[in-house]
Amino acid sequence: MEFTPVTNLSIIVSGDDQTVSFLDNVVPITKVTPLLVGFSSQYANGRPNVSGRIDRLTKSVEIDWIHENVGDNTHWELTCRPAGPISDWPQPQL
């Protein structure tokens, strides 16, 4: 199996819309804690389920695409370089 590096991928975390956007995906934020932002969405009509998390401390990102055909599933592990302060991201509700 060959791995192709992912470069120049923009991930936008929107506190206003409560979404995480990347590539052609706009995925609802499902969990916010002091340490992570979780997101998940189920798509229909042959599109995969997309879920993942962004670790606020390590700035690591994991994204999973779950397809009907298990052989098409994809898992990415990335490291972020935030363009702005992480404090601007959605905050946990107390």
Foldseek 3Di string as FASTA:
>chain_A
DDDDDDPPWDWDADQVVQWIDTDPDTWHFDDAAPFKTKTWDCDDDFFFTKIWMATLPQRKIWIWTCGPPNVPIDIDIGHDDDPDDPVNHHHDDD
